[in-house]
């Protein structure tokens, strides 16, 4: 077998810039165990084994990898599909894969092994999914096992993985639900404390919507999701999130999966959009009515058993159940009073909004009427006495067609209009305004003048 130098193989497999033939290599992220030297040695060893130099060039965010086509296409369906017609391929963009993650992917293609830590497992898992390395023994399954081990270890490891996922959104969530699974692991033992989710405030609204929808599908109880949404809105300065973005973020919350405490909190939370508040009010009322009806039925059953029915004395359990039912009823009534106050406040806001809308509409209508009146007055002027042969004079023109004449009955009140035939009306025959109007009406309805005498 010929030596590597006789094959003309390149000395550097992992190059910072493709344009340079430098033997220097970039320092990878400390969280990655796959180093340029390690990958170079793997590639050189394979070149010696098969007696052939590298034949493909893969560019990842300004970094070039000179590799063997047969090794990478054997593991990646994506690379197999795209390296069919070209041997020079750029991955990022469009794929959201870092150079460090691809270095680990490339090393796995050569020896089937890769070391993963809490800092890189999310990047490797995402890269493996995007590259289609999903075979039974592929990198995706290896990374999945490591992800579950790391996330399930403790909250510190889960937080590390969550932070590493944020630059990979939305792919980290859409490919393997990594972010939502990290959040689920963080809150599984602390349902009433979401302070461990402070990192979610760094997400963009569109990415947060993707994560929230995924969590909503995974969880049966949406209390954690509601608290996470509230934390996000509070941490991102409520005024900076648009109404449309708030609606999109909160649409993932299913009010039927919220506890009574969260429903009451949602109704009274000024950060929640009106659409969600209305849904919460309706669900809360339905739950309250059901609980009150159930408590009343239990009290009636207890009275029946103690006073009539079976004629037996109440046991300690009966007393405890009755007291619990009474306390629950009182609690529900307090919640209903609080909800009713919130509803009245919302109704008052709606009434104020309707009033403002009506005033704006009235103002617009008045302006439109003013424009119409000015246009009509500019287009036609009737001057009493200026007629010629029964024709009304309109500027310098005469018209024998029907004319529309406006009469102002009160000179300051509402105006009414009617059409008369210009050839049948002679304004000089009337002495008063009322008589002229009567003549015009009679002519309009074809009533002879003799009928009035």
Protein backbone atom coordinates (compact mmCIF):
# COMPACT_ATOMS: atom_id res chain seq x y z
CA UNK A 1 0.00 0.00 0.00
CA UNK A 2 1.33 3.43 -0.92
CA UNK A 3 1.93 6.00 1.76
CA UNK A 4 -0.41 8.88 2.42
CA UNK A 5 2.00 11.44 1.00
CA UNK A 6 2.19 9.49 -2.28
CA UNK A 7 -1.61 9.70 -2.52
CA UNK A 8 -1.53 13.47 -2.47
CA UNK A 9 -4.00 13.68 0.42
CA UNK A 10 -4.48 17.08 1.99
CA UNK A 11 -2.87 17.62 5.35
CA UNK A 12 -5.80 19.51 6.83
CA UNK A 13 -9.28 18.02 6.97
CA UNK A 14 -10.80 20.71 9.16
CA UNK A 15 -10.07 24.21 7.81
CA UNK A 16 -11.23 27.57 9.06
CA UNK A 17 -11.46 29.12 5.60
CA UNK A 18 -11.73 27.16 2.38
CA UNK A 19 -9.72 29.70 0.43
CA UNK A 20 -6.56 29.10 2.44
CA UNK A 21 -4.36 26.01 2.50
CA UNK A 22 -3.46 26.57 6.11
CA UNK A 23 -2.66 23.68 8.40
CA UNK A 24 -4.04 25.56 11.39
CA UNK A 25 -7.37 24.49 12.79
CA UNK A 26 -9.94 26.42 14.80
CA UNK A 27 -10.36 25.65 18.44
CA UNK A 28 -13.67 23.92 18.95
CA UNK A 29 -16.10 24.69 21.73
CA UNK A 30 -14.88 23.34 25.09
CA UNK A 31 -18.07 21.29 25.36
CA UNK A 32 -17.08 19.19 22.36
CA UNK A 33 -14.76 16.26 22.67
CA UNK A 34 -14.38 15.96 18.89
CA UNK A 35 -11.29 18.02 18.05
CA UNK A 36 -9.86 18.86 14.61
CA UNK A 37 -6.84 16.69 15.39
CA UNK A 38 -9.05 13.75 16.27
CA UNK A 39 -11.11 14.09 13.09
CA UNK A 40 -8.00 14.58 10.95
CA UNK A 41 -6.48 11.40 12.30
CA UNK A 42 -9.68 9.48 11.55
CA UNK A 43 -9.79 10.76 7.98
CA UNK A 44 -6.09 10.07 7.35
CA UNK A 45 -6.40 6.58 8.76
CA UNK A 46 -9.30 5.87 6.43
CA UNK A 47 -7.36 7.25 3.44
CA UNK A 48 -4.49 4.86 4.25
CA UNK A 49 -6.90 1.98 4.65
CA UNK A 50 -8.66 2.36 1.30
CA UNK A 51 -5.78 3.91 -0.62
CA UNK A 52 -7.84 6.90 -1.75
CA UNK A 53 -7.84 10.57 -0.77
CA UNK A 54 -10.87 12.63 0.30
CA UNK A 55 -13.34 13.34 -2.48
CA UNK A 56 -16.03 15.66 -1.04
CA UNK A 57 -15.96 19.15 0.42
CA UNK A 58 -18.68 20.12 2.93
CA UNK A 59 -18.93 23.73 4.07
CA UNK A 60 -20.49 24.52 7.45
CA UNK A 61 -20.68 28.20 8.45
CA UNK A 62 -17.39 29.17 6.86
CA UNK A 63 -15.57 26.00 7.91
CA UNK A 64 -14.68 23.33 5.35
CA UNK A 65 -14.55 19.58 5.90
CA UNK A 66 -12.70 17.40 3.34
CA UNK A 67 -14.14 13.91 3.80
CA UNK A 68 -14.74 10.62 2.03
CA UNK A 69 -18.08 10.41 0.29
CA UNK A 70 -18.61 6.72 1.00
CA UNK A 71 -18.33 7.30 4.78
CA UNK A 72 -20.75 10.20 5.10
CA UNK A 73 -23.43 8.92 2.71
CA UNK A 74 -23.49 5.56 4.51
CA UNK A 75 -24.77 7.31 7.63
CA UNK A 76 -26.75 10.31 6.34
CA UNK A 77 -29.70 10.09 3.97
CA UNK A 78 -29.56 13.89 3.52
CA UNK A 79 -25.91 13.83 2.39
CA UNK A 80 -26.54 10.79 0.21
CA UNK A 81 -29.30 12.66 -1.59
CA UNK A 82 -27.41 15.93 -2.05
CA UNK A 83 -23.96 14.58 -2.89
CA UNK A 84 -25.26 12.69 -5.90
CA UNK A 85 -24.68 15.52 -8.35
CA UNK A 86 -22.09 17.62 -6.55
CA UNK A 87 -19.01 17.05 -4.40
CA UNK A 88 -19.03 20.59 -2.94
CA UNK A 89 -21.96 21.08 -0.56
CA UNK A 90 -22.90 23.91 1.81
CA UNK A 91 -24.98 22.93 4.86
CA UNK A 92 -25.35 26.09 6.94
CA UNK A 93 -27.37 27.83 5.79
CA UNK A 94 -29.95 26.52 5.16
CA UNK A 95 -29.53 23.87 7.87
CA UNK A 96 -29.12 25.13 11.42
CA UNK A 97 -25.97 23.11 12.17
CA UNK A 98 -22.82 24.44 13.82
CA UNK A 99 -19.33 23.55 12.66
CA UNK A 100 -18.59 21.92 16.02
CA UNK A 101 -21.70 19.75 15.79
CA UNK A 102 -20.81 18.64 12.27
CA UNK A 103 -17.29 17.74 13.42
CA UNK A 104 -18.87 15.31 15.89
CA UNK A 105 -21.18 14.02 13.15
CA UNK A 106 -18.26 13.45 10.78
CA UNK A 107 -16.27 11.59 13.42
CA UNK A 108 -19.28 9.33 14.06
CA UNK A 109 -19.39 8.56 10.34
CA UNK A 110 -15.82 7.22 10.52
CA UNK A 111 -15.79 5.23 13.78
CA UNK A 112 -19.43 5.01 14.94
CA UNK A 113 -18.63 6.74 18.23
CA UNK A 114 -18.97 10.24 19.64
CA UNK A 115 -18.69 11.62 23.15
CA UNK A 116 -21.62 13.80 24.22
CA UNK A 117 -21.97 16.14 27.18
CA UNK A 118 -24.84 18.31 28.49
CA UNK A 119 -23.39 21.16 26.44
CA UNK A 120 -23.38 19.42 23.06
CA UNK A 121 -25.99 16.67 23.15
CA UNK A 122 -28.77 18.97 21.90
CA UNK A 123 -26.63 20.23 18.98
CA UNK A 124 -25.64 16.70 17.97
CA UNK A 125 -29.20 15.42 18.28
CA UNK A 126 -30.54 18.29 16.16
CA UNK A 127 -27.81 17.85 13.53
CA UNK A 128 -28.46 14.12 13.35
CA UNK A 129 -32.18 14.69 12.79
CA UNK A 130 -31.59 17.33 10.11
CA UNK A 131 -29.09 15.11 8.29
CA UNK A 132 -31.37 12.08 8.36
CA UNK A 133 -29.12 9.89 10.51
CA UNK A 134 -32.11 7.97 11.87
CA UNK A 135 -31.24 4.36 11.10
CA UNK A 136 -31.53 1.77 13.86
CA UNK A 137 -27.95 2.32 15.01
CA UNK A 138 -27.65 5.86 13.65
CA UNK A 139 -26.44 8.93 15.48
CA UNK A 140 -29.99 10.13 16.14
CA UNK A 141 -30.76 7.12 18.35
CA UNK A 142 -27.39 7.33 20.10
CA UNK A 143 -27.97 11.02 20.85
CA UNK A 144 -31.53 10.31 22.00
CA UNK A 145 -30.35 7.86 24.65
CA UNK A 146 -27.70 10.30 25.84
CA UNK A 147 -30.22 13.16 25.92
CA UNK A 148 -32.57 11.22 28.20
CA UNK A 149 -29.71 10.32 30.52
CA UNK A 150 -28.44 13.89 30.78
CA UNK A 151 -31.84 15.58 31.18
CA UNK A 152 -33.01 13.05 33.72
CA UNK A 153 -29.90 13.43 35.87
CA UNK A 154 -30.65 16.68 37.69
CA UNK A 155 -32.04 20.17 37.15
CA UNK A 156 -28.61 21.69 36.56
CA UNK A 157 -27.94 19.37 33.61
CA UNK A 158 -31.44 19.93 32.24
CA UNK A 159 -30.92 23.71 32.47
CA UNK A 160 -27.61 23.40 30.61
CA UNK A 161 -29.28 21.45 27.82
CA UNK A 162 -32.15 23.96 27.67
CA UNK A 163 -29.76 26.88 27.27
CA UNK A 164 -27.88 25.07 24.51
CA UNK A 165 -31.18 24.54 22.65
CA UNK A 166 -32.11 28.22 22.41
CA UNK A 167 -29.71 29.09 19.52
CA UNK A 168 -31.01 26.02 17.67
CA UNK A 169 -34.67 27.07 17.64
CA UNK A 170 -36.98 26.34 15.96
CA UNK A 171 -35.20 23.22 14.62
CA UNK A 172 -34.37 21.92 18.10
CA UNK A 173 -38.10 21.79 18.85
CA UNK A 174 -39.55 20.85 15.48
CA UNK A 175 -37.16 17.92 14.95
CA UNK A 176 -37.19 16.24 18.38
CA UNK A 177 -39.13 18.45 20.88
CA UNK A 178 -35.92 19.04 22.81
CA UNK A 179 -36.92 22.34 24.43
CA UNK A 180 -40.35 21.19 25.60
CA UNK A 181 -38.87 17.98 27.00
CA UNK A 182 -36.24 19.95 28.92
CA UNK A 183 -38.96 22.17 30.38
CA UNK A 184 -41.04 19.14 31.31
CA UNK A 185 -38.06 17.61 33.08
CA UNK A 186 -37.37 20.84 34.97
CA UNK A 187 -40.90 21.30 36.30
CA UNK A 188 -41.93 17.68 36.87
CA UNK A 189 -40.90 17.91 40.52
CA UNK A 190 -41.68 21.61 41.05
CA UNK A 191 -45.11 22.27 39.53
CA UNK A 192 -45.66 25.38 41.65
CA UNK A 193 -42.24 26.91 40.90
CA UNK A 194 -41.25 27.98 37.41
CA UNK A 195 -38.28 30.10 38.41
CA UNK A 196 -36.09 27.42 36.81
CA UNK A 197 -37.52 28.49 33.43
CA UNK A 198 -36.02 31.96 33.35
CA UNK A 199 -34.15 31.02 30.19
CA UNK A 200 -37.40 30.84 28.21
CA UNK A 201 -37.61 34.64 28.38
CA UNK A 202 -34.76 34.78 25.88
CA UNK A 203 -36.84 33.19 23.11
CA UNK A 204 -38.28 35.09 20.19
CA UNK A 205 -42.12 35.19 20.19
CA UNK A 206 -42.42 32.91 17.16
CA UNK A 207 -40.09 30.34 18.75
CA UNK A 208 -41.93 30.55 22.06
CA UNK A 209 -45.22 29.85 20.27
CA UNK A 210 -43.71 26.70 18.74
CA UNK A 211 -42.48 25.50 22.14
CA UNK A 212 -45.74 26.39 23.93
CA UNK A 213 -47.84 24.49 21.39
CA UNK A 214 -45.60 21.45 21.79
CA UNK A 215 -45.86 21.58 25.59
CA UNK A 216 -49.63 21.98 25.35
CA UNK A 217 -49.84 18.73 23.37
CA UNK A 218 -47.58 16.86 25.80
CA UNK A 219 -49.12 17.88 29.14
CA UNK A 220 -52.50 16.87 30.52
CA UNK A 221 -52.47 19.74 33.02
CA UNK A 222 -51.79 23.22 31.64
CA UNK A 223 -50.99 24.96 34.92
CA UNK A 224 -47.27 24.82 34.15
CA UNK A 225 -47.88 26.11 30.63
CA UNK A 226 -49.94 29.02 31.98
CA UNK A 227 -47.20 29.95 34.45
CA UNK A 228 -44.56 29.72 31.74
CA UNK A 229 -46.60 32.00 29.46
CA UNK A 230 -47.11 34.50 32.28
CA UNK A 231 -43.40 34.41 33.08
CA UNK A 232 -42.57 35.05 29.43
CA UNK A 233 -44.96 37.99 29.10
CA UNK A 234 -43.76 39.47 32.36
CA UNK A 235 -40.08 39.06 31.52
CA UNK A 236 -40.36 40.52 28.02
CA UNK A 237 -41.98 43.79 29.09
CA UNK A 238 -45.68 43.41 28.45
CA UNK A 239 -45.86 46.58 26.33
CA UNK A 240 -43.23 45.29 23.88
CA UNK A 241 -45.28 42.21 22.92
CA UNK A 242 -48.00 43.04 20.40
CA UNK A 243 -51.62 41.99 20.83
CA UNK A 244 -51.30 39.58 17.92
CA UNK A 245 -48.22 37.97 19.48
CA UNK A 246 -49.96 37.66 22.87
CA UNK A 247 -52.93 35.94 21.24
CA UNK A 248 -50.64 33.52 19.42
CA UNK A 249 -48.71 32.75 22.59
CA UNK A 250 -51.83 32.21 24.73
CA UNK A 251 -53.75 30.15 22.17
CA UNK A 252 -51.77 27.11 23.29
CA UNK A 253 -53.43 27.22 26.74
CA UNK A 254 -56.49 24.98 27.08
CA UNK A 255 -58.65 26.47 29.83
CA UNK A 256 -60.39 23.14 30.39
CA UNK A 257 -57.01 21.76 31.54
CA UNK A 258 -56.39 24.52 34.10
CA UNK A 259 -57.06 24.08 37.81
CA UNK A 260 -59.59 26.31 39.58
CA UNK A 261 -56.78 28.39 41.14
CA UNK A 262 -55.17 29.03 37.75
CA UNK A 263 -58.52 29.89 36.17
CA UNK A 264 -59.17 32.55 38.80
CA UNK A 265 -55.63 33.87 38.40
CA UNK A 266 -56.01 33.95 34.63
CA UNK A 267 -59.27 35.94 34.84
CA UNK A 268 -57.65 38.54 37.08
CA UNK A 269 -54.32 38.72 35.20
CA UNK A 270 -54.05 41.98 33.20
CA UNK A 271 -51.31 40.48 31.02
CA UNK A 272 -53.64 37.88 29.54
CA UNK A 273 -55.49 38.82 26.31
CA UNK A 274 -59.24 39.34 26.44
CA UNK A 275 -59.90 36.25 24.32
CA UNK A 276 -58.23 33.96 26.87
CA UNK A 277 -59.92 35.73 29.80
CA UNK A 278 -63.36 35.16 28.28
CA UNK A 279 -62.62 31.47 27.76
CA UNK A 280 -61.39 31.17 31.34
CA UNK A 281 -64.51 32.89 32.69
CA UNK A 282 -66.80 30.50 30.82
CA UNK A 283 -64.90 27.41 31.94
CA UNK A 284 -64.71 28.65 35.51
CA UNK A 285 -68.45 29.24 35.67
CA UNK A 286 -69.17 25.78 34.29
CA UNK A 287 -66.80 24.18 36.82
CA UNK A 288 -68.23 26.23 39.66
CA UNK A 289 -71.81 25.34 38.85
CA UNK A 290 -70.90 21.67 38.63
CA UNK A 291 -69.04 21.77 41.97
CA UNK A 292 -71.88 23.59 43.73
CA UNK A 293 -74.43 21.12 42.38
CA UNK A 294 -72.27 18.21 43.53
CA UNK A 295 -71.77 19.71 47.00
CA UNK A 296 -75.50 20.36 47.35
CA UNK A 297 -76.28 16.77 46.38
CA UNK A 298 -73.83 15.51 48.98
CA UNK A 299 -75.39 17.69 51.70
CA UNK A 300 -78.88 16.47 50.81
CA UNK A 301 -77.70 12.87 50.94
CA UNK A 302 -76.12 13.41 54.35
CA UNK A 303 -79.29 15.03 55.73
CA UNK A 304 -81.39 12.22 54.34
CA UNK A 305 -79.21 9.56 55.92
CA UNK A 306 -79.03 11.35 59.28
CA UNK A 307 -82.67 12.45 59.62
CA UNK A 308 -84.74 10.02 57.63
CA UNK A 309 -83.73 7.32 55.24
CA UNK A 310 -81.61 4.81 57.07
CA UNK A 311 -82.03 6.37 60.52
CA UNK A 312 -78.46 5.94 61.56
CA UNK A 313 -76.15 8.27 63.41
CA UNK A 314 -73.55 10.21 61.40
CA UNK A 315 -70.07 8.82 61.54
CA UNK A 316 -66.88 10.83 61.79
CA UNK A 317 -66.35 10.35 58.06
CA UNK A 318 -69.81 11.81 57.36
CA UNK A 319 -69.01 14.91 59.41
CA UNK A 320 -65.66 15.35 57.68
CA UNK A 321 -67.24 15.03 54.25
CA UNK A 322 -69.93 17.52 55.14
CA UNK A 323 -67.41 20.05 56.48
CA UNK A 324 -65.25 19.59 53.39
CA UNK A 325 -68.29 20.16 51.17
CA UNK A 326 -69.20 23.33 53.08
CA UNK A 327 -65.66 24.69 52.86
CA UNK A 328 -65.52 23.91 49.15
CA UNK A 329 -68.83 25.65 48.58
CA UNK A 330 -67.66 28.75 50.44
CA UNK A 331 -64.42 28.75 48.47
CA UNK A 332 -66.31 28.48 45.20
CA UNK A 333 -68.64 31.32 46.15
CA UNK A 334 -65.64 33.53 46.90
CA UNK A 335 -64.16 32.64 43.53
CA UNK A 336 -67.47 33.43 41.83
CA UNK A 337 -67.63 36.84 43.52
CA UNK A 338 -64.09 37.59 42.37
CA UNK A 339 -64.91 36.46 38.86
CA UNK A 340 -68.10 38.51 38.76
CA UNK A 341 -66.16 41.62 39.74
CA UNK A 342 -63.70 40.96 36.94
CA UNK A 343 -66.58 40.44 34.48
CA UNK A 344 -68.15 43.75 35.51
CA UNK A 345 -64.83 45.46 34.97
CA UNK A 346 -64.52 43.91 31.51
CA UNK A 347 -68.11 44.88 30.65
CA UNK A 348 -67.38 48.48 31.65
CA UNK A 349 -64.30 48.48 29.41
CA UNK A 350 -66.36 47.11 26.54
CA UNK A 351 -69.05 49.78 27.06
CA UNK A 352 -66.41 52.51 27.00
CA UNK A 353 -64.95 51.07 23.82
CA UNK A 354 -68.39 50.93 22.18
CA UNK A 355 -69.07 54.53 23.19
CA UNK A 356 -65.81 55.67 21.65
CA UNK A 357 -66.57 53.73 18.47
CA UNK A 358 -70.05 55.25 18.18
CA UNK A 359 -68.68 58.75 18.66
CA UNK A 360 -66.05 58.13 15.97
CA UNK A 361 -68.68 56.75 13.59
CA UNK A 362 -71.01 59.70 14.22
CA UNK A 363 -68.18 62.13 13.59
CA UNK A 364 -67.28 60.38 10.33
CA UNK A 365 -70.92 60.40 9.18
CA UNK A 366 -71.22 64.11 9.97
CA UNK A 367 -68.08 64.84 8.00
CA UNK A 368 -69.38 62.81 5.05
CA UNK A 369 -72.73 64.66 5.11
CA UNK A 370 -70.89 67.98 5.18
CA UNK A 371 -68.87 66.97 2.11
CA UNK A 372 -72.01 65.86 0.26
CA UNK A 373 -73.85 69.10 1.08
CA UNK A 374 -70.92 71.21 -0.09
CA UNK A 375 -70.71 69.25 -3.35
CA UNK A 376 -74.44 69.62 -4.00
CA UNK A 377 -74.44 73.33 -3.26
CA UNK A 378 -71.48 73.84 -5.59
CA UNK A 379 -73.08 71.88 -8.44
CA UNK A 380 -76.56 73.42 -8.45
CA UNK A 381 -77.97 76.80 -7.29
CA UNK A 382 -81.62 77.68 -7.56
CA UNK A 383 -82.31 81.42 -7.68
CA UNK A 384 -85.94 82.44 -7.29
CA UNK A 385 -87.15 84.54 -10.21
CA UNK A 386 -84.33 83.51 -12.54
CA UNK A 387 -86.36 81.32 -14.88
CA UNK A 388 -86.79 81.62 -18.53
CA UNK A 389 -89.70 80.00 -20.38
CA UNK A 390 -90.33 77.59 -17.54
CA UNK A 391 -86.69 76.44 -17.44
CA UNK A 392 -84.49 76.78 -14.41
CA UNK A 393 -81.25 78.64 -14.94
CA UNK A 394 -78.16 76.71 -13.84
CA UNK A 395 -75.13 78.94 -14.12
CA UNK A 396 -75.03 79.79 -17.80
CA UNK A 397 -76.94 76.65 -18.85
CA UNK A 398 -80.61 75.71 -19.06
CA UNK A 399 -82.07 72.29 -18.42
CA UNK A 400 -85.47 70.86 -19.32
CA UNK A 401 -84.83 67.69 -17.42
CA UNK A 402 -86.08 67.00 -13.90
CA UNK A 403 -84.26 69.02 -11.26
CA UNK A 404 -83.78 68.21 -7.59
CA UNK A 405 -84.66 71.19 -5.40
CA UNK A 406 -83.93 71.22 -1.68
CA UNK A 407 -86.18 73.05 0.77
CA UNK A 408 -85.11 73.85 4.29
CA UNK A 409 -88.30 73.85 6.34
CA UNK A 410 -86.68 75.26 9.49
CA UNK A 411 -83.71 77.04 7.85
CA UNK A 412 -81.46 75.38 10.48
CA UNK A 413 -82.87 71.87 10.93
CA UNK A 414 -82.88 68.69 8.88
CA UNK A 415 -83.12 69.01 5.08
CA UNK A 416 -85.40 66.96 2.88
CA UNK A 417 -85.33 66.63 -0.91
CA UNK A 418 -87.80 65.75 -3.63
CA UNK A 419 -87.90 65.79 -7.43
CA UNK A 420 -90.20 67.98 -9.49
CA UNK A 421 -90.57 68.59 -13.20
CA UNK A 422 -88.95 71.87 -14.09
CA UNK A 423 -91.39 72.37 -16.96
CA UNK A 424 -94.45 72.31 -14.65
CA UNK A 425 -93.25 74.49 -11.77
CA UNK A 426 -93.11 78.23 -11.89
CA UNK A 427 -91.74 79.70 -8.61
CA UNK A 428 -93.32 83.13 -9.39
CA UNK A 429 -96.88 81.74 -8.93
CA UNK A 430 -96.33 81.18 -5.19
CA UNK A 431 -96.37 83.89 -2.61
CA UNK A 432 -95.13 82.04 0.44
CA UNK A 433 -92.67 79.29 1.15
CA UNK A 434 -95.40 76.91 2.34
CA UNK A 435 -97.47 77.46 -0.83
CA UNK A 436 -94.44 76.87 -3.06
CA UNK A 437 -93.71 73.61 -1.25
CA UNK A 438 -97.36 72.46 -1.63
CA UNK A 439 -97.31 73.20 -5.33
CA UNK A 440 -94.07 71.26 -5.71
CA UNK A 441 -95.53 68.27 -3.83
CA UNK A 442 -98.69 68.29 -5.94
CA UNK A 443 -96.69 68.41 -9.14
CA UNK A 444 -94.44 65.59 -7.90
CA UNK A 445 -97.45 63.33 -7.26
CA UNK A 446 -99.35 64.61 -10.35
CA UNK A 447 -102.11 66.30 -8.25
CA UNK A 448 -103.95 69.09 -10.11
CA UNK A 449 -103.77 72.57 -8.58
CA UNK A 450 -107.53 72.83 -8.66
CA UNK A 451 -107.77 70.19 -5.99
CA UNK A 452 -106.52 72.63 -3.37
CA UNK A 453 -109.11 75.30 -4.11
